[in-house]
Amino acid sequence: METLLSDLQYPIGRPVLPTQPLTPQERAAYINQLAALPGQLTAAARQAGGVRLENSYRPGGWTGRQVIHHVADVHLNFYLRYRLALTEDNPTIRPFDLNASAALPDNDATPVTVSLALLEAVHSRWVTLLWHLTEEQWQRTFHHPAYQQTYTLDQALVQYSWHGRHHVGHLELLSP
């Protein structure tokens, strides 16, 4: 039972962060994954269909609707973390309660198409920024107080690319 729940919670496995700087080719692959995410999430939402988006992908998990709104909200935060790390020295980011955020009333009242459009817009800006970073900028950092860890922008790229694919995997679990 534990393995089944873990497979449902982590349909693409857990992320593995690099310990060394990424190569330009590795970076390009992750940036391309981020660029493709809005289309992939939209396709997975369509495939699941409207009624299934009201269901959870696993016992105790969020609904498909909550997942879509979560990805848009969090990826906006991820983009802003990059901007902070590029303009401040090792800023401490502000985490927030993801479950409390998923329970806010706008998640039920807002069509998922609004969050999908927001994700498309954020990724357009974010991916443009990522393609223009220098090698030195990729090694800039931010501190995450909830994990007591400092991340390079290379590590964040891997984590955030994984995050999007992880949630596409959740929506795919809702498909017929």
N, C-alpha and C. Protein backbone atom coordinates (compact mmCIF):
# COMPACT_ATOMS: atom_id res chain seq x y z
N MET A 1 0.83 -1.20 0.00
CA MET A 1 0.00 0.00 0.00
C MET A 1 0.86 1.26 0.00
N GLU A 2 1.95 1.25 0.82
CA GLU A 2 2.84 2.41 0.90
C GLU A 2 3.46 2.72 -0.46
N THR A 3 3.89 1.67 -1.19
CA THR A 3 4.49 1.88 -2.50
C THR A 3 3.48 2.46 -3.47
N LEU A 4 2.26 1.95 -3.46
CA LEU A 4 1.22 2.45 -4.35
C LEU A 4 0.95 3.93 -4.09
N LEU A 5 0.81 4.32 -2.82
CA LEU A 5 0.57 5.72 -2.49
C LEU A 5 1.75 6.59 -2.90
N SER A 6 2.96 6.09 -2.71
CA SER A 6 4.15 6.85 -3.10
C SER A 6 4.19 7.02 -4.62
N ASP A 7 3.82 5.98 -5.36
CA ASP A 7 3.77 6.07 -6.83
C ASP A 7 2.73 7.09 -7.27
N LEU A 8 1.61 7.17 -6.57
CA LEU A 8 0.59 8.15 -6.90
C LEU A 8 1.05 9.56 -6.53
N GLN A 9 1.74 9.69 -5.41
CA GLN A 9 2.21 11.00 -4.97
C GLN A 9 3.36 11.49 -5.83
N TYR A 10 4.23 10.57 -6.25
CA TYR A 10 5.41 10.94 -7.05
C TYR A 10 5.42 10.14 -8.35
N PRO A 11 4.51 10.46 -9.26
CA PRO A 11 4.37 9.65 -10.48
C PRO A 11 5.60 9.64 -11.38
N ILE A 12 6.48 10.62 -11.26
CA ILE A 12 7.71 10.62 -12.06
C ILE A 12 8.94 10.42 -11.17
N GLY A 13 8.72 10.01 -9.93
CA GLY A 13 9.82 9.85 -8.98
C GLY A 13 10.11 11.17 -8.27
N ARG A 14 11.06 11.11 -7.37
CA ARG A 14 11.45 12.31 -6.62
C ARG A 14 12.56 13.04 -7.37
N PRO A 15 12.68 14.35 -7.12
CA PRO A 15 13.72 15.10 -7.83
C PRO A 15 15.11 14.77 -7.30
N VAL A 16 16.09 14.88 -8.17
CA VAL A 16 17.49 14.72 -7.80
C VAL A 16 18.20 15.99 -8.24
N LEU A 17 18.68 16.76 -7.26
CA LEU A 17 19.32 18.03 -7.57
C LEU A 17 20.79 17.83 -7.88
N PRO A 18 21.32 18.60 -8.81
CA PRO A 18 22.73 18.47 -9.15
C PRO A 18 23.62 19.04 -8.04
N THR A 19 24.81 18.46 -7.92
CA THR A 19 25.78 18.97 -6.96
C THR A 19 26.85 19.81 -7.65
N GLN A 20 26.86 19.78 -8.96
CA GLN A 20 27.80 20.56 -9.77
C GLN A 20 26.99 21.45 -10.71
N PRO A 21 27.61 22.52 -11.23
CA PRO A 21 26.90 23.34 -12.22
C PRO A 21 26.46 22.50 -13.42
N LEU A 22 25.31 22.84 -13.96
CA LEU A 22 24.82 22.16 -15.16
C LEU A 22 25.66 22.57 -16.36
N THR A 23 25.71 21.69 -17.35
CA THR A 23 26.34 22.06 -18.62
C THR A 23 25.33 22.89 -19.41
N PRO A 24 25.78 23.64 -20.40
CA PRO A 24 24.82 24.39 -21.23
C PRO A 24 23.77 23.47 -21.87
N GLN A 25 24.16 22.26 -22.25
CA GLN A 25 23.21 21.33 -22.87
C GLN A 25 22.17 20.86 -21.85
N GLU A 26 22.61 20.58 -20.63
CA GLU A 26 21.66 20.17 -19.59
C GLU A 26 20.69 21.30 -19.28
N ARG A 27 21.23 22.51 -19.18
CA ARG A 27 20.38 23.67 -18.90
C ARG A 27 19.33 23.83 -19.99
N ALA A 28 19.77 23.73 -21.23
CA ALA A 28 18.84 23.90 -22.36
C ALA A 28 17.71 22.88 -22.28
N ALA A 29 18.03 21.65 -21.91
CA ALA A 29 16.99 20.61 -21.80
C ALA A 29 15.97 20.98 -20.72
N TYR A 30 16.44 21.46 -19.58
CA TYR A 30 15.52 21.84 -18.51
C TYR A 30 14.70 23.09 -18.87
N ILE A 31 15.34 24.04 -19.53
CA ILE A 31 14.60 25.24 -19.96
C ILE A 31 13.51 24.84 -20.96
N ASN A 32 13.86 23.95 -21.88
CA ASN A 32 12.86 23.48 -22.85
C ASN A 32 11.70 22.76 -22.15
N GLN A 33 12.00 22.04 -21.07
CA GLN A 33 10.93 21.39 -20.31
C GLN A 33 10.00 22.44 -19.69
N LEU A 34 10.59 23.51 -19.15
CA LEU A 34 9.76 24.58 -18.59
C LEU A 34 8.94 25.26 -19.68
N ALA A 35 9.54 25.46 -20.85
CA ALA A 35 8.83 26.10 -21.95
C ALA A 35 7.63 25.26 -22.39
N ALA A 36 7.78 23.95 -22.34
CA ALA A 36 6.71 23.05 -22.79
C ALA A 36 5.62 22.84 -21.74
N LEU A 37 5.91 23.17 -20.49
CA LEU A 37 4.98 22.84 -19.41
C LEU A 37 3.57 23.40 -19.58
N PRO A 38 3.38 24.68 -19.91
CA PRO A 38 1.99 25.16 -20.02
C PRO A 38 1.16 24.34 -21.01
N GLY A 39 1.73 23.99 -22.14
CA GLY A 39 1.01 23.18 -23.11
C GLY A 39 0.73 21.78 -22.60
N GLN A 40 1.70 21.20 -21.90
CA GLN A 40 1.52 19.86 -21.35
C GLN A 40 0.45 19.83 -20.26
N LEU A 41 0.46 20.84 -19.40
CA LEU A 41 -0.54 20.90 -18.33
C LEU A 41 -1.94 21.11 -18.92
N THR A 42 -2.03 21.97 -19.93
CA THR A 42 -3.31 22.21 -20.60
C THR A 42 -3.82 20.93 -21.26
N ALA A 43 -2.93 20.21 -21.94
CA ALA A 43 -3.33 18.96 -22.60
C ALA A 43 -3.77 17.92 -21.57
N ALA A 44 -3.05 17.82 -20.46
CA ALA A 44 -3.42 16.85 -19.42
C ALA A 44 -4.76 17.22 -18.78
N ALA A 45 -5.02 18.52 -18.61
CA ALA A 45 -6.31 18.97 -18.06
C ALA A 45 -7.44 18.64 -19.01
N ARG A 46 -7.22 18.86 -20.31
CA ARG A 46 -8.26 18.54 -21.30
C ARG A 46 -8.51 17.04 -21.34
N GLN A 47 -7.43 16.26 -21.30
CA GLN A 47 -7.55 14.80 -21.35
C GLN A 47 -8.34 14.28 -20.15
N ALA A 48 -8.07 14.85 -18.98
CA ALA A 48 -8.79 14.42 -17.77
C ALA A 48 -10.26 14.79 -17.87
N GLY A 49 -10.55 15.95 -18.43
CA GLY A 49 -11.94 16.40 -18.57
C GLY A 49 -12.43 17.12 -17.34
N GLY A 50 -13.43 17.97 -17.53
CA GLY A 50 -13.92 18.85 -16.48
C GLY A 50 -14.34 18.18 -15.20
N VAL A 51 -15.16 17.14 -15.28
CA VAL A 51 -15.68 16.50 -14.07
C VAL A 51 -14.57 15.80 -13.31
N ARG A 52 -13.64 15.16 -14.01
CA ARG A 52 -12.56 14.44 -13.33
C ARG A 52 -11.61 15.40 -12.61
N LEU A 53 -11.56 16.65 -13.05
CA LEU A 53 -10.69 17.63 -12.37
C LEU A 53 -11.18 17.94 -10.96
N GLU A 54 -12.42 17.56 -10.66
CA GLU A 54 -12.95 17.75 -9.31
C GLU A 54 -12.56 16.59 -8.39
N ASN A 55 -11.91 15.58 -8.95
CA ASN A 55 -11.48 14.41 -8.17
C ASN A 55 -10.02 14.55 -7.77
N SER A 56 -9.65 13.81 -6.73
CA SER A 56 -8.26 13.76 -6.28
C SER A 56 -7.54 12.65 -7.04
N TYR A 57 -6.28 12.87 -7.30
CA TYR A 57 -5.47 11.88 -8.01
C TYR A 57 -4.98 10.77 -7.07
N ARG A 58 -5.13 10.96 -5.76
CA ARG A 58 -4.75 9.95 -4.76
C ARG A 58 -5.51 10.23 -3.47
N PRO A 59 -5.65 9.23 -2.60
CA PRO A 59 -6.30 9.48 -1.31
C PRO A 59 -5.56 10.57 -0.53
N GLY A 60 -6.30 11.57 -0.09
CA GLY A 60 -5.70 12.65 0.67
C GLY A 60 -5.00 13.70 -0.16
N GLY A 61 -5.04 13.55 -1.47
CA GLY A 61 -4.37 14.50 -2.36
C GLY A 61 -5.32 15.59 -2.83
N TRP A 62 -4.76 16.56 -3.52
CA TRP A 62 -5.56 17.65 -4.06
C TRP A 62 -6.38 17.18 -5.25
N THR A 63 -7.40 17.96 -5.58
CA THR A 63 -8.16 17.70 -6.80
C THR A 63 -7.34 18.18 -8.00
N GLY A 64 -7.74 17.74 -9.18
CA GLY A 64 -7.08 18.22 -10.39
C GLY A 64 -7.17 19.74 -10.50
N ARG A 65 -8.31 20.29 -10.15
CA ARG A 65 -8.50 21.75 -10.17
C ARG A 65 -7.48 22.42 -9.25
N GLN A 66 -7.32 21.91 -8.04
CA GLN A 66 -6.37 22.49 -7.09
C GLN A 66 -4.93 22.38 -7.61
N VAL A 67 -4.62 21.27 -8.26
CA VAL A 67 -3.28 21.08 -8.82
C VAL A 67 -2.99 22.16 -9.86
N ILE A 68 -3.94 22.40 -10.75
CA ILE A 68 -3.73 23.40 -11.82
C ILE A 68 -3.53 24.78 -11.21
N HIS A 69 -4.37 25.18 -10.28
CA HIS A 69 -4.20 26.49 -9.64
C HIS A 69 -2.88 26.55 -8.87
N HIS A 70 -2.52 25.46 -8.20
CA HIS A 70 -1.25 25.40 -7.46
C HIS A 70 -0.06 25.63 -8.39
N VAL A 71 -0.04 24.95 -9.52
CA VAL A 71 1.10 25.09 -10.43
C VAL A 71 1.23 26.54 -10.89
N ALA A 72 0.13 27.17 -11.25
CA ALA A 72 0.20 28.58 -11.67
C ALA A 72 0.70 29.47 -10.53
N ASP A 73 0.16 29.28 -9.34
CA ASP A 73 0.57 30.10 -8.19
C ASP A 73 2.05 29.91 -7.87
N VAL A 74 2.47 28.67 -7.79
CA VAL A 74 3.83 28.38 -7.37
C VAL A 74 4.84 28.75 -8.45
N HIS A 75 4.51 28.54 -9.70
CA HIS A 75 5.46 28.90 -10.76
C HIS A 75 5.62 30.42 -10.86
N LEU A 76 4.58 31.16 -10.53
CA LEU A 76 4.74 32.61 -10.42
C LEU A 76 5.76 32.93 -9.32
N ASN A 77 5.65 32.25 -8.20
CA ASN A 77 6.62 32.42 -7.11
C ASN A 77 8.02 32.00 -7.54
N PHE A 78 8.14 30.90 -8.27
CA PHE A 78 9.45 30.44 -8.73
C PHE A 78 10.11 31.49 -9.62
N TYR A 79 9.33 32.05 -10.53
CA TYR A 79 9.84 33.11 -11.42
C TYR A 79 10.34 34.29 -10.59
N LEU A 80 9.57 34.69 -9.60
CA LEU A 80 9.97 35.82 -8.75
C LEU A 80 11.20 35.48 -7.91
N ARG A 81 11.37 34.22 -7.52
CA ARG A 81 12.58 33.82 -6.80
C ARG A 81 13.82 34.02 -7.68
N TYR A 82 13.70 33.69 -8.94
CA TYR A 82 14.81 33.94 -9.86
C TYR A 82 15.13 35.42 -9.92
N ARG A 83 14.13 36.24 -10.04
CA ARG A 83 14.36 37.69 -10.13
C ARG A 83 15.01 38.20 -8.84
N LEU A 84 14.58 37.69 -7.70
CA LEU A 84 15.21 38.09 -6.44
C LEU A 84 16.68 37.66 -6.40
N ALA A 85 16.94 36.42 -6.76
CA ALA A 85 18.31 35.91 -6.71
C ALA A 85 19.23 36.65 -7.68
N LEU A 86 18.67 37.16 -8.76
CA LEU A 86 19.47 37.89 -9.75
C LEU A 86 19.71 39.34 -9.35
N THR A 87 18.93 39.84 -8.42
CA THR A 87 19.04 41.27 -8.07
C THR A 87 19.46 41.51 -6.62
N GLU A 88 19.52 40.45 -5.82
CA GLU A 88 19.94 40.56 -4.42
C GLU A 88 20.95 39.46 -4.14
N ASP A 89 21.77 39.65 -3.12
CA ASP A 89 22.74 38.62 -2.74
C ASP A 89 22.11 37.60 -1.81
N ASN A 90 21.99 36.38 -2.29
CA ASN A 90 21.45 35.25 -1.53
C ASN A 90 20.22 35.63 -0.70
N PRO A 91 19.16 36.11 -1.36
CA PRO A 91 17.96 36.50 -0.60
C PRO A 91 17.32 35.29 0.07
N THR A 92 16.66 35.54 1.17
CA THR A 92 15.85 34.52 1.82
C THR A 92 14.44 34.66 1.25
N ILE A 93 13.97 33.59 0.63
CA ILE A 93 12.64 33.64 0.01
C ILE A 93 11.58 33.43 1.08
N ARG A 94 10.37 33.73 0.72
CA ARG A 94 9.26 33.60 1.67
C ARG A 94 8.41 32.39 1.27
N PRO A 95 8.51 31.29 2.01
CA PRO A 95 7.64 30.15 1.71
C PRO A 95 6.22 30.43 2.20
N PHE A 96 5.27 29.64 1.72
CA PHE A 96 3.90 29.78 2.19
C PHE A 96 3.28 28.40 2.32
N ASP A 97 2.19 28.33 3.05
CA ASP A 97 1.51 27.07 3.32
C ASP A 97 0.74 26.64 2.06
N LEU A 98 1.26 25.63 1.39
CA LEU A 98 0.67 25.19 0.12
C LEU A 98 -0.73 24.63 0.30
N ASN A 99 -0.96 23.89 1.37
CA ASN A 99 -2.30 23.33 1.60
C ASN A 99 -3.31 24.42 1.91
N ALA A 100 -2.91 25.41 2.69
CA ALA A 100 -3.81 26.53 2.98
C ALA A 100 -4.11 27.31 1.71
N SER A 101 -3.10 27.48 0.88
CA SER A 101 -3.30 28.18 -0.39
C SER A 101 -4.26 27.41 -1.30
N ALA A 102 -4.10 26.08 -1.35
CA ALA A 102 -4.98 25.25 -2.18
C ALA A 102 -6.43 25.28 -1.71
N ALA A 103 -6.64 25.59 -0.43
CA ALA A 103 -7.99 25.62 0.14
C ALA A 103 -8.66 26.98 0.02
N LEU A 104 -7.97 27.99 -0.50
CA LEU A 104 -8.57 29.32 -0.62
C LEU A 104 -9.75 29.29 -1.60
N PRO A 105 -10.76 30.14 -1.38
CA PRO A 105 -11.99 30.07 -2.16
C PRO A 105 -11.83 30.36 -3.65
N ASP A 106 -10.80 31.10 -4.04
CA ASP A 106 -10.64 31.38 -5.47
C ASP A 106 -10.33 30.12 -6.27
N ASN A 107 -9.82 29.08 -5.62
CA ASN A 107 -9.54 27.84 -6.34
C ASN A 107 -10.82 27.17 -6.83
N ASP A 108 -11.90 27.33 -6.10
CA ASP A 108 -13.19 26.78 -6.55
C ASP A 108 -13.91 27.73 -7.48
N ALA A 109 -13.72 29.03 -7.27
CA ALA A 109 -14.49 30.04 -8.01
C ALA A 109 -13.87 30.42 -9.35
N THR A 110 -12.60 30.13 -9.55
CA THR A 110 -11.90 30.55 -10.77
C THR A 110 -11.81 29.38 -11.75
N PRO A 111 -12.19 29.60 -13.00
CA PRO A 111 -12.01 28.53 -14.00
C PRO A 111 -10.53 28.17 -14.14
N VAL A 112 -10.25 26.90 -14.37
CA VAL A 112 -8.85 26.48 -14.52
C VAL A 112 -8.20 27.15 -15.73
N THR A 113 -9.00 27.57 -16.70
CA THR A 113 -8.43 28.24 -17.87
C THR A 113 -7.71 29.53 -17.50
N VAL A 114 -8.15 30.19 -16.44
CA VAL A 114 -7.48 31.41 -15.98
C VAL A 114 -6.08 31.09 -15.49
N SER A 115 -5.95 30.04 -14.69
CA SER A 115 -4.62 29.66 -14.19
C SER A 115 -3.74 29.10 -15.30
N LEU A 116 -4.33 28.42 -16.26
CA LEU A 116 -3.54 27.94 -17.40
C LEU A 116 -3.00 29.11 -18.22
N ALA A 117 -3.82 30.15 -18.40
CA ALA A 117 -3.36 31.35 -19.11
C ALA A 117 -2.28 32.08 -18.32
N LEU A 118 -2.46 32.16 -17.00
CA LEU A 118 -1.44 32.77 -16.14
C LEU A 118 -0.12 32.00 -16.25
N LEU A 119 -0.19 30.68 -16.22
CA LEU A 119 1.01 29.86 -16.34
C LEU A 119 1.71 30.11 -17.67
N GLU A 120 0.94 30.19 -18.74
CA GLU A 120 1.50 30.47 -20.07
C GLU A 120 2.24 31.80 -20.06
N ALA A 121 1.64 32.83 -19.49
CA ALA A 121 2.26 34.16 -19.46
C ALA A 121 3.52 34.16 -18.60
N VAL A 122 3.44 33.57 -17.42
CA VAL A 122 4.61 33.53 -16.53
C VAL A 122 5.76 32.78 -17.19
N HIS A 123 5.46 31.64 -17.79
CA HIS A 123 6.51 30.86 -18.42
C HIS A 123 7.11 31.58 -19.62
N SER A 124 6.33 32.34 -20.33
CA SER A 124 6.86 33.12 -21.45
C SER A 124 7.94 34.07 -20.96
N ARG A 125 7.65 34.81 -19.90
CA ARG A 125 8.64 35.73 -19.31
C ARG A 125 9.81 34.98 -18.71
N TRP A 126 9.52 33.94 -17.94
CA TRP A 126 10.55 33.20 -17.21
C TRP A 126 11.53 32.53 -18.17
N VAL A 127 11.02 31.85 -19.17
CA VAL A 127 11.88 31.16 -20.13
C VAL A 127 12.75 32.16 -20.89
N THR A 128 12.18 33.30 -21.25
CA THR A 128 12.98 34.34 -21.91
C THR A 128 14.13 34.76 -21.00
N LEU A 129 13.84 34.98 -19.73
CA LEU A 129 14.89 35.33 -18.77
C LEU A 129 15.96 34.24 -18.70
N LEU A 130 15.54 32.99 -18.59
CA LEU A 130 16.48 31.88 -18.43
C LEU A 130 17.43 31.76 -19.62
N TRP A 131 16.93 31.96 -20.83
CA TRP A 131 17.79 31.84 -22.02
C TRP A 131 18.87 32.92 -22.04
N HIS A 132 18.69 33.98 -21.28
CA HIS A 132 19.64 35.10 -21.33
C HIS A 132 20.58 35.17 -20.13
N LEU A 133 20.54 34.20 -19.24
CA LEU A 133 21.42 34.23 -18.07
C LEU A 133 22.85 33.84 -18.46
N THR A 134 23.80 34.46 -17.77
CA THR A 134 25.21 34.12 -17.97
C THR A 134 25.57 32.94 -17.06
N GLU A 135 26.72 32.36 -17.33
CA GLU A 135 27.21 31.26 -16.49
C GLU A 135 27.30 31.71 -15.03
N GLU A 136 27.79 32.89 -14.81
CA GLU A 136 27.91 33.43 -13.45
C GLU A 136 26.53 33.58 -12.79
N GLN A 137 25.56 34.05 -13.54
CA GLN A 137 24.22 34.23 -12.97
C GLN A 137 23.59 32.91 -12.56
N TRP A 138 23.86 31.84 -13.29
CA TRP A 138 23.30 30.54 -12.94
C TRP A 138 23.77 30.06 -11.58
N GLN A 139 24.90 30.59 -11.11
CA GLN A 139 25.44 30.16 -9.81
C GLN A 139 25.00 31.07 -8.67
N ARG A 140 24.19 32.07 -8.98
CA ARG A 140 23.63 32.91 -7.91
C ARG A 140 22.69 32.05 -7.07
N THR A 141 22.40 32.50 -5.87
CA THR A 141 21.68 31.65 -4.92
C THR A 141 20.54 32.39 -4.23
N PHE A 142 19.66 31.59 -3.64
CA PHE A 142 18.67 32.08 -2.69
C PHE A 142 18.58 31.06 -1.56
N HIS A 143 18.12 31.52 -0.42
CA HIS A 143 17.99 30.65 0.75
C HIS A 143 16.52 30.34 0.99
N HIS A 144 16.24 29.06 1.20
CA HIS A 144 14.87 28.61 1.50
C HIS A 144 14.81 28.26 2.98
N PRO A 145 14.17 29.11 3.81
CA PRO A 145 14.19 28.88 5.26
C PRO A 145 13.44 27.63 5.71
N ALA A 146 12.43 27.22 4.98
CA ALA A 146 11.67 26.03 5.40
C ALA A 146 12.53 24.77 5.30
N TYR A 147 13.46 24.75 4.34
CA TYR A 147 14.34 23.59 4.17
C TYR A 147 15.74 23.85 4.72
N GLN A 148 15.97 25.07 5.21
CA GLN A 148 17.30 25.46 5.69
C GLN A 148 18.37 25.09 4.66
N GLN A 149 18.11 25.48 3.42
CA GLN A 149 19.02 25.15 2.33
C GLN A 149 19.17 26.33 1.39
N THR A 150 20.37 26.48 0.87
CA THR A 150 20.64 27.47 -0.15
C THR A 150 20.71 26.76 -1.49
N TYR A 151 20.02 27.31 -2.49
CA TYR A 151 19.95 26.72 -3.82
C TYR A 151 20.61 27.64 -4.83
N THR A 152 21.36 27.05 -5.77
CA THR A 152 21.81 27.82 -6.93
C THR A 152 20.65 27.88 -7.91
N LEU A 153 20.73 28.80 -8.85
CA LEU A 153 19.68 28.86 -9.88
C LEU A 153 19.72 27.62 -10.76
N ASP A 154 20.89 27.00 -10.93
CA ASP A 154 20.95 25.71 -11.62
C ASP A 154 20.11 24.66 -10.88
N GLN A 155 20.30 24.56 -9.58
CA GLN A 155 19.54 23.58 -8.79
C GLN A 155 18.05 23.90 -8.83
N ALA A 156 17.72 25.17 -8.74
CA ALA A 156 16.31 25.56 -8.79
C ALA A 156 15.70 25.20 -10.14
N LEU A 157 16.46 25.35 -11.22
CA LEU A 157 15.96 24.99 -12.54
C LEU A 157 15.57 23.51 -12.59
N VAL A 158 16.43 22.66 -12.05
CA VAL A 158 16.13 21.22 -12.04
C VAL A 158 14.89 20.95 -11.18
N GLN A 159 14.85 21.55 -10.00
CA GLN A 159 13.71 21.36 -9.08
C GLN A 159 12.40 21.84 -9.71
N TYR A 160 12.43 23.01 -10.31
CA TYR A 160 11.19 23.60 -10.82
C TYR A 160 10.73 22.92 -12.10
N SER A 161 11.67 22.45 -12.90
CA SER A 161 11.29 21.66 -14.07
C SER A 161 10.62 20.36 -13.62
N TRP A 162 11.23 19.72 -12.63
CA TRP A 162 10.64 18.50 -12.07
C TRP A 162 9.23 18.79 -11.54
N HIS A 163 9.08 19.89 -10.83
CA HIS A 163 7.80 20.23 -10.20
C HIS A 163 6.66 20.26 -11.23
N GLY A 164 6.90 20.90 -12.35
CA GLY A 164 5.87 20.96 -13.37
C GLY A 164 5.52 19.59 -13.93
N ARG A 165 6.55 18.81 -14.27
CA ARG A 165 6.32 17.47 -14.83
C ARG A 165 5.63 16.56 -13.80
N HIS A 166 5.99 16.73 -12.55
CA HIS A 166 5.39 15.99 -11.43
C HIS A 166 3.87 16.20 -11.40
N HIS A 167 3.45 17.45 -11.55
CA HIS A 167 2.01 17.73 -11.50
C HIS A 167 1.29 17.38 -12.80
N VAL A 168 1.97 17.43 -13.92
CA VAL A 168 1.37 16.89 -15.15
C VAL A 168 1.08 15.40 -14.93
N GLY A 169 2.02 14.72 -14.28
CA GLY A 169 1.81 13.30 -13.96
C GLY A 169 0.58 13.08 -13.09
N HIS A 170 0.33 14.00 -12.16
CA HIS A 170 -0.88 13.88 -11.33
C HIS A 170 -2.14 14.00 -12.17
N LEU A 171 -2.16 14.98 -13.07
CA LEU A 171 -3.36 15.14 -13.92
C LEU A 171 -3.54 13.94 -14.83
N GLU A 172 -2.45 13.36 -15.30
CA GLU A 172 -2.55 12.18 -16.17
C GLU A 172 -3.17 11.00 -15.42
N LEU A 173 -2.99 10.96 -14.11
CA LEU A 173 -3.62 9.90 -13.31
C LEU A 173 -5.14 10.01 -13.31
N LEU A 174 -5.66 11.19 -13.60
CA LEU A 174 -7.12 11.40 -13.63
C LEU A 174 -7.73 11.05 -14.99
N SER A 175 -6.89 10.85 -15.99
CA SER A 175 -7.40 10.58 -17.35
C SER A 175 -8.05 9.22 -17.42
N PRO A 176 -9.06 9.11 -18.31
CA PRO A 176 -9.76 7.82 -18.45
C PRO A 176 -8.86 6.74 -19.05
